[in-house]
Amino acid sequence: MANDQNTPVSQHPLFGDLSRNWGWLLAFGILSIILGTVGLGMTFGLTLISVVFFGALLIVGGTFQLIDAFKCQGWKGALWHILIALLYIAGGLLIVVDPLLASETLTLALAAVLIAVGVSRVIMALQHRGQSGWGWLVLAGLISIALGAMIIAKWPMSGMWVIGLFVAIELIFNGWAYLFVALAARRAGKLAA
């Protein structure tokens, strides 16, 4: 079988063109790490920005859904479509008008989800007791429960910083992940060349 003449020599099967263009991904990773680190110092502001952005997305989505509902003449589900659109818009407006209350509410919901996920993990781990790795699942579940409990213990004040903290941490881990992928693509490109 002959080599494909259209495939560049420096292209790695796993990374494709990324093995030659890894610099952009590296720059994005570094930028993400910097933004996340800056975000750690301003979790309150990052929380408010994130919540207001979420509210704006609900308003925009609800508006488009409302427009779509009026374009669908004769559809039996149009009334429900309109109701859902109005709920999106109302929820988005409530969030944008009072982002502090919204962040407190979302943080409390997040804490409840963390506890529920943690309990579920522990139950699942106990069902797999004796199998390899079940202890790690218990540990992950206990950590989720502890995080949820810590958020509730400091609530409503935790509502001012938890969302921003989580966004900042996500940016940092996202940045490191892309940085390592970019460096791996660079190495693969050098080996393929």
C-alpha atoms as a PDB file:
ATOM      1  CA  MET A   1       0.000   0.000   0.000  1.00  0.00           C
ATOM      2  CA  ALA A   2       1.502   3.368  -1.034  1.00  0.00           C
ATOM      3  CA  ASN A   3       1.790   6.321   1.330  1.00  0.00           C
ATOM      4  CA  ASP A   4      -0.913   8.918   0.937  1.00  0.00           C
ATOM      5  CA  GLN A   5       0.725  11.867  -0.834  1.00  0.00           C
ATOM      6  CA  ASN A   6      -1.668  14.366   0.824  1.00  0.00           C
ATOM      7  CA  THR A   7      -0.612  13.480   4.383  1.00  0.00           C
ATOM      8  CA  PRO A   8       2.222  15.689   5.660  1.00  0.00           C
ATOM      9  CA  VAL A   9       5.252  13.828   6.989  1.00  0.00           C
ATOM     10  CA  SER A  10       5.136  15.667  10.355  1.00  0.00           C
ATOM     11  CA  GLN A  11       1.500  14.764  10.998  1.00  0.00           C
ATOM     12  CA  HIS A  12       0.952  12.329  13.872  1.00  0.00           C
ATOM     13  CA  PRO A  13      -2.127  10.047  13.626  1.00  0.00           C
ATOM     14  CA  LEU A  14      -3.338  10.987  17.112  1.00  0.00           C
ATOM     15  CA  PHE A  15      -2.744  14.733  16.887  1.00  0.00           C
ATOM     16  CA  GLY A  16      -3.176  15.460  13.173  1.00  0.00           C
ATOM     17  CA  ASP A  17      -2.296  19.077  12.342  1.00  0.00           C
ATOM     18  CA  LEU A  18      -1.982  19.865  16.039  1.00  0.00           C
ATOM     19  CA  SER A  19       1.489  18.319  15.952  1.00  0.00           C
ATOM     20  CA  ARG A  20       2.535  21.294  13.782  1.00  0.00           C
ATOM     21  CA  ASN A  21       0.244  23.941  15.277  1.00  0.00           C
ATOM     22  CA  TRP A  22       0.677  23.106  18.954  1.00  0.00           C
ATOM     23  CA  GLY A  23       1.732  26.662  19.850  1.00  0.00           C
ATOM     24  CA  TRP A  24      -1.823  27.987  19.715  1.00  0.00           C
ATOM     25  CA  LEU A  25      -3.039  25.343  22.132  1.00  0.00           C
ATOM     26  CA  LEU A  26      -0.057  26.005  24.404  1.00  0.00           C
ATOM     27  CA  ALA A  27      -0.855  29.743  24.390  1.00  0.00           C
ATOM     28  CA  PHE A  28      -4.507  29.004  25.175  1.00  0.00           C
ATOM     29  CA  GLY A  29      -3.469  26.736  28.037  1.00  0.00           C
ATOM     30  CA  ILE A  30      -1.148  29.371  29.503  1.00  0.00           C
ATOM     31  CA  LEU A  31      -3.838  32.058  29.134  1.00  0.00           C
ATOM     32  CA  SER A  32      -6.377  29.804  30.856  1.00  0.00           C
ATOM     33  CA  ILE A  33      -3.966  29.192  33.754  1.00  0.00           C
ATOM     34  CA  ILE A  34      -3.338  32.937  34.109  1.00  0.00           C
ATOM     35  CA  LEU A  35      -7.052  33.788  33.994  1.00  0.00           C
ATOM     36  CA  GLY A  36      -7.853  31.072  36.531  1.00  0.00           C
ATOM     37  CA  THR A  37      -5.109  32.274  38.853  1.00  0.00           C
ATOM     38  CA  VAL A  38      -6.359  35.862  38.595  1.00  0.00           C
ATOM     39  CA  GLY A  39      -9.881  34.525  39.164  1.00  0.00           C
ATOM     40  CA  LEU A  40      -8.789  32.940  42.445  1.00  0.00           C
ATOM     41  CA  GLY A  41      -8.090  36.444  43.711  1.00  0.00           C
ATOM     42  CA  MET A  42     -11.479  37.776  42.699  1.00  0.00           C
ATOM     43  CA  THR A  43     -13.936  34.947  43.312  1.00  0.00           C
ATOM     44  CA  PHE A  44     -16.752  37.332  44.289  1.00  0.00           C
ATOM     45  CA  GLY A  45     -16.518  39.227  40.995  1.00  0.00           C
ATOM     46  CA  LEU A  46     -16.155  36.016  39.023  1.00  0.00           C
ATOM     47  CA  THR A  47     -19.233  34.600  40.773  1.00  0.00           C
ATOM     48  CA  LEU A  48     -21.311  37.646  39.838  1.00  0.00           C
ATOM     49  CA  ILE A  49     -20.061  37.664  36.237  1.00  0.00           C
ATOM     50  CA  SER A  50     -20.802  33.940  35.872  1.00  0.00           C
ATOM     51  CA  VAL A  51     -24.290  34.257  37.338  1.00  0.00           C
ATOM     52  CA  VAL A  52     -25.199  37.316  35.257  1.00  0.00           C
ATOM     53  CA  PHE A  53     -23.879  35.568  32.129  1.00  0.00           C
ATOM     54  CA  PHE A  54     -26.054  32.541  32.946  1.00  0.00           C
ATOM     55  CA  GLY A  55     -29.067  34.843  33.387  1.00  0.00           C
ATOM     56  CA  ALA A  56     -28.346  36.530  30.051  1.00  0.00           C
ATOM     57  CA  LEU A  57     -28.154  33.131  28.339  1.00  0.00           C
ATOM     58  CA  LEU A  58     -31.573  32.220  29.769  1.00  0.00           C
ATOM     59  CA  ILE A  59     -33.060  35.493  28.497  1.00  0.00           C
ATOM     60  CA  VAL A  60     -31.604  35.082  25.013  1.00  0.00           C
ATOM     61  CA  GLY A  61     -32.601  31.412  24.822  1.00  0.00           C
ATOM     62  CA  GLY A  62     -36.108  32.157  26.064  1.00  0.00           C
ATOM     63  CA  THR A  63     -36.510  35.007  23.586  1.00  0.00           C
ATOM     64  CA  PHE A  64     -35.521  32.820  20.644  1.00  0.00           C
ATOM     65  CA  GLN A  65     -37.849  30.074  21.877  1.00  0.00           C
ATOM     66  CA  LEU A  66     -40.694  32.582  22.163  1.00  0.00           C
ATOM     67  CA  ILE A  67     -40.097  33.812  18.620  1.00  0.00           C
ATOM     68  CA  ASP A  68     -40.010  30.205  17.420  1.00  0.00           C
ATOM     69  CA  ALA A  69     -43.288  29.436  19.215  1.00  0.00           C
ATOM     70  CA  PHE A  70     -45.121  32.181  17.344  1.00  0.00           C
ATOM     71  CA  LYS A  71     -43.736  30.932  14.021  1.00  0.00           C
ATOM     72  CA  CYS A  72     -45.185  27.439  14.570  1.00  0.00           C
ATOM     73  CA  GLN A  73     -48.822  27.925  13.568  1.00  0.00           C
ATOM     74  CA  GLY A  74     -51.062  24.956  14.295  1.00  0.00           C
ATOM     75  CA  TRP A  75     -48.644  23.111  16.579  1.00  0.00           C
ATOM     76  CA  LYS A  76     -50.463  21.585  19.554  1.00  0.00           C
ATOM     77  CA  GLY A  77     -47.395  22.056  21.784  1.00  0.00           C
ATOM     78  CA  ALA A  78     -47.099  25.796  21.013  1.00  0.00           C
ATOM     79  CA  LEU A  79     -48.737  26.875  24.285  1.00  0.00           C
ATOM     80  CA  TRP A  80     -46.244  24.817  26.295  1.00  0.00           C
ATOM     81  CA  HIS A  81     -43.421  26.120  24.125  1.00  0.00           C
ATOM     82  CA  ILE A  82     -44.503  29.685  24.967  1.00  0.00           C
ATOM     83  CA  LEU A  83     -44.810  28.878  28.684  1.00  0.00           C
ATOM     84  CA  ILE A  84     -41.312  27.380  28.794  1.00  0.00           C
ATOM     85  CA  ALA A  85     -39.921  30.405  26.921  1.00  0.00           C
ATOM     86  CA  LEU A  86     -41.567  32.790  29.389  1.00  0.00           C
ATOM     87  CA  LEU A  87     -40.174  30.803  32.325  1.00  0.00           C
ATOM     88  CA  TYR A  88     -36.670  31.018  30.815  1.00  0.00           C
ATOM     89  CA  ILE A  89     -37.019  34.771  30.327  1.00  0.00           C
ATOM     90  CA  ALA A  90     -38.468  35.296  33.827  1.00  0.00           C
ATOM     91  CA  GLY A  91     -35.723  33.175  35.411  1.00  0.00           C
ATOM     92  CA  GLY A  92     -33.046  35.041  33.461  1.00  0.00           C
ATOM     93  CA  LEU A  93     -34.485  38.415  34.479  1.00  0.00           C
ATOM     94  CA  LEU A  94     -34.607  37.374  38.153  1.00  0.00           C
ATOM     95  CA  ILE A  95     -30.951  36.336  37.966  1.00  0.00           C
ATOM     96  CA  VAL A  96     -29.818  39.527  36.208  1.00  0.00           C
ATOM     97  CA  VAL A  97     -31.833  41.796  38.537  1.00  0.00           C
ATOM     98  CA  ASP A  98     -30.522  40.161  41.748  1.00  0.00           C
ATOM     99  CA  PRO A  99     -27.332  38.208  41.001  1.00  0.00           C
ATOM    100  CA  LEU A 100     -26.453  37.954  44.717  1.00  0.00           C
ATOM    101  CA  LEU A 101     -29.661  36.097  45.551  1.00  0.00           C
ATOM    102  CA  ALA A 102     -29.200  33.976  42.438  1.00  0.00           C
ATOM    103  CA  SER A 103     -25.641  33.062  43.395  1.00  0.00           C
ATOM    104  CA  GLU A 104     -26.748  32.108  46.915  1.00  0.00           C
ATOM    105  CA  THR A 105     -29.563  29.948  45.524  1.00  0.00           C
ATOM    106  CA  LEU A 106     -27.362  28.301  42.901  1.00  0.00           C
ATOM    107  CA  THR A 107     -24.666  27.655  45.494  1.00  0.00           C
ATOM    108  CA  LEU A 108     -27.150  25.974  47.831  1.00  0.00           C
ATOM    109  CA  ALA A 109     -28.391  23.828  44.934  1.00  0.00           C
ATOM    110  CA  LEU A 110     -24.786  22.975  44.050  1.00  0.00           C
ATOM    111  CA  ALA A 111     -24.113  21.915  47.648  1.00  0.00           C
ATOM    112  CA  ALA A 112     -27.185  19.666  47.605  1.00  0.00           C
ATOM    113  CA  VAL A 113     -26.067  18.100  44.308  1.00  0.00           C
ATOM    114  CA  LEU A 114     -22.557  17.482  45.684  1.00  0.00           C
ATOM    115  CA  ILE A 115     -23.978  15.733  48.739  1.00  0.00           C
ATOM    116  CA  ALA A 116     -26.387  13.638  46.632  1.00  0.00           C
ATOM    117  CA  VAL A 117     -23.585  12.657  44.229  1.00  0.00           C
ATOM    118  CA  GLY A 118     -21.321  11.811  47.169  1.00  0.00           C
ATOM    119  CA  VAL A 119     -23.929   9.610  48.825  1.00  0.00           C
ATOM    120  CA  SER A 120     -24.591   7.887  45.488  1.00  0.00           C
ATOM    121  CA  ARG A 121     -20.884   7.206  45.012  1.00  0.00           C
ATOM    122  CA  VAL A 122     -20.542   5.735  48.501  1.00  0.00           C
ATOM    123  CA  ILE A 123     -23.577   3.468  47.968  1.00  0.00           C
ATOM    124  CA  MET A 124     -22.243   2.376  44.579  1.00  0.00           C
ATOM    125  CA  ALA A 125     -18.813   1.721  46.097  1.00  0.00           C
ATOM    126  CA  LEU A 126     -20.291  -0.360  48.897  1.00  0.00           C
ATOM    127  CA  GLN A 127     -22.126  -2.461  46.314  1.00  0.00           C
ATOM    128  CA  HIS A 128     -18.754  -3.119  44.650  1.00  0.00           C
ATOM    129  CA  ARG A 129     -16.925  -3.730  47.920  1.00  0.00           C
ATOM    130  CA  GLY A 130     -14.127  -6.196  47.462  1.00  0.00           C
ATOM    131  CA  GLN A 131     -13.494  -5.260  43.842  1.00  0.00           C
ATOM    132  CA  SER A 132     -10.392  -3.369  42.814  1.00  0.00           C
ATOM    133  CA  GLY A 133     -10.691   0.383  43.220  1.00  0.00           C
ATOM    134  CA  TRP A 134     -13.851   0.477  45.321  1.00  0.00           C
ATOM    135  CA  GLY A 135     -12.044   2.386  48.062  1.00  0.00           C
ATOM    136  CA  TRP A 136     -11.251   5.245  45.682  1.00  0.00           C
ATOM    137  CA  LEU A 137     -14.947   5.536  44.886  1.00  0.00           C
ATOM    138  CA  VAL A 138     -15.720   5.748  48.611  1.00  0.00           C
ATOM    139  CA  LEU A 139     -13.061   8.448  48.993  1.00  0.00           C
ATOM    140  CA  ALA A 140     -14.460  10.429  46.044  1.00  0.00           C
ATOM    141  CA  GLY A 141     -17.945  10.166  47.530  1.00  0.00           C
ATOM    142  CA  LEU A 142     -16.795  11.310  50.964  1.00  0.00           C
ATOM    143  CA  ILE A 143     -14.963  14.271  49.423  1.00  0.00           C
ATOM    144  CA  SER A 144     -18.124  15.301  47.530  1.00  0.00           C
ATOM    145  CA  ILE A 145     -20.169  15.037  50.728  1.00  0.00           C
ATOM    146  CA  ALA A 146     -17.576  17.067  52.648  1.00  0.00           C
ATOM    147  CA  LEU A 147     -17.496  19.781  49.963  1.00  0.00           C
ATOM    148  CA  GLY A 148     -21.288  20.029  49.963  1.00  0.00           C
ATOM    149  CA  ALA A 149     -21.378  20.147  53.767  1.00  0.00           C
ATOM    150  CA  MET A 150     -18.690  22.871  53.887  1.00  0.00           C
ATOM    151  CA  ILE A 151     -20.652  24.972  51.396  1.00  0.00           C
ATOM    152  CA  ILE A 152     -23.849  24.587  53.456  1.00  0.00           C
ATOM    153  CA  ALA A 153     -22.016  25.330  56.715  1.00  0.00           C
ATOM    154  CA  LYS A 154     -20.884  28.711  55.342  1.00  0.00           C
ATOM    155  CA  TRP A 155     -24.113  29.469  53.466  1.00  0.00           C
ATOM    156  CA  PRO A 156     -25.316  32.114  52.537  1.00  0.00           C
ATOM    157  CA  MET A 157     -21.843  33.699  52.563  1.00  0.00           C
ATOM    158  CA  SER A 158     -20.484  30.815  50.480  1.00  0.00           C
ATOM    159  CA  GLY A 159     -22.847  31.955  47.742  1.00  0.00           C
ATOM    160  CA  MET A 160     -20.620  34.976  47.236  1.00  0.00           C
ATOM    161  CA  TRP A 161     -17.491  33.043  46.260  1.00  0.00           C
ATOM    162  CA  VAL A 162     -18.112  29.321  45.569  1.00  0.00           C
ATOM    163  CA  ILE A 163     -19.181  29.652  41.933  1.00  0.00           C
ATOM    164  CA  GLY A 164     -16.261  31.979  41.170  1.00  0.00           C
ATOM    165  CA  LEU A 165     -13.861  29.624  42.938  1.00  0.00           C
ATOM    166  CA  PHE A 166     -15.126  26.643  40.932  1.00  0.00           C
ATOM    167  CA  VAL A 167     -14.843  28.600  37.649  1.00  0.00           C
ATOM    168  CA  ALA A 168     -11.292  29.691  38.535  1.00  0.00           C
ATOM    169  CA  ILE A 169     -10.272  26.126  39.438  1.00  0.00           C
ATOM    170  CA  GLU A 170     -11.806  24.846  36.199  1.00  0.00           C
ATOM    171  CA  LEU A 171      -9.840  27.435  34.201  1.00  0.00           C
ATOM    172  CA  ILE A 172      -6.598  26.427  35.903  1.00  0.00           C
ATOM    173  CA  PHE A 173      -7.084  22.676  35.387  1.00  0.00           C
ATOM    174  CA  ASN A 174      -8.301  23.259  31.829  1.00  0.00           C
ATOM    175  CA  GLY A 175      -5.191  25.320  31.138  1.00  0.00           C
ATOM    176  CA  TRP A 176      -2.816  22.686  32.500  1.00  0.00           C
ATOM    177  CA  ALA A 177      -4.596  19.958  30.528  1.00  0.00           C
ATOM    178  CA  TYR A 178      -4.257  21.888  27.254  1.00  0.00           C
ATOM    179  CA  LEU A 179      -0.671  22.804  28.056  1.00  0.00           C
ATOM    180  CA  PHE A 180       0.252  19.125  28.444  1.00  0.00           C
ATOM    181  CA  VAL A 181      -1.672  18.146  25.291  1.00  0.00           C
ATOM    182  CA  ALA A 182       0.165  20.871  23.347  1.00  0.00           C
ATOM    183  CA  LEU A 183       3.560  19.666  24.600  1.00  0.00           C
ATOM    184  CA  ALA A 184       2.669  16.056  23.757  1.00  0.00           C
ATOM    185  CA  ALA A 185       1.616  17.149  20.252  1.00  0.00           C
ATOM    186  CA  ARG A 186       4.913  19.004  19.893  1.00  0.00           C
ATOM    187  CA  ARG A 187       6.889  15.886  20.869  1.00  0.00           C
ATOM    188  CA  ALA A 188       4.822  13.731  18.525  1.00  0.00           C
ATOM    189  CA  GLY A 189       5.436  16.165  15.674  1.00  0.00           C
ATOM    190  CA  LYS A 190       9.172  16.101  16.266  1.00  0.00           C
ATOM    191  CA  LEU A 191       9.191  12.290  16.330  1.00  0.00           C
ATOM    192  CA  ALA A 192       7.135  12.067  13.137  1.00  0.00           C
ATOM    193  CA  ALA A 193       9.371  14.544  11.288  1.00  0.00           C
END
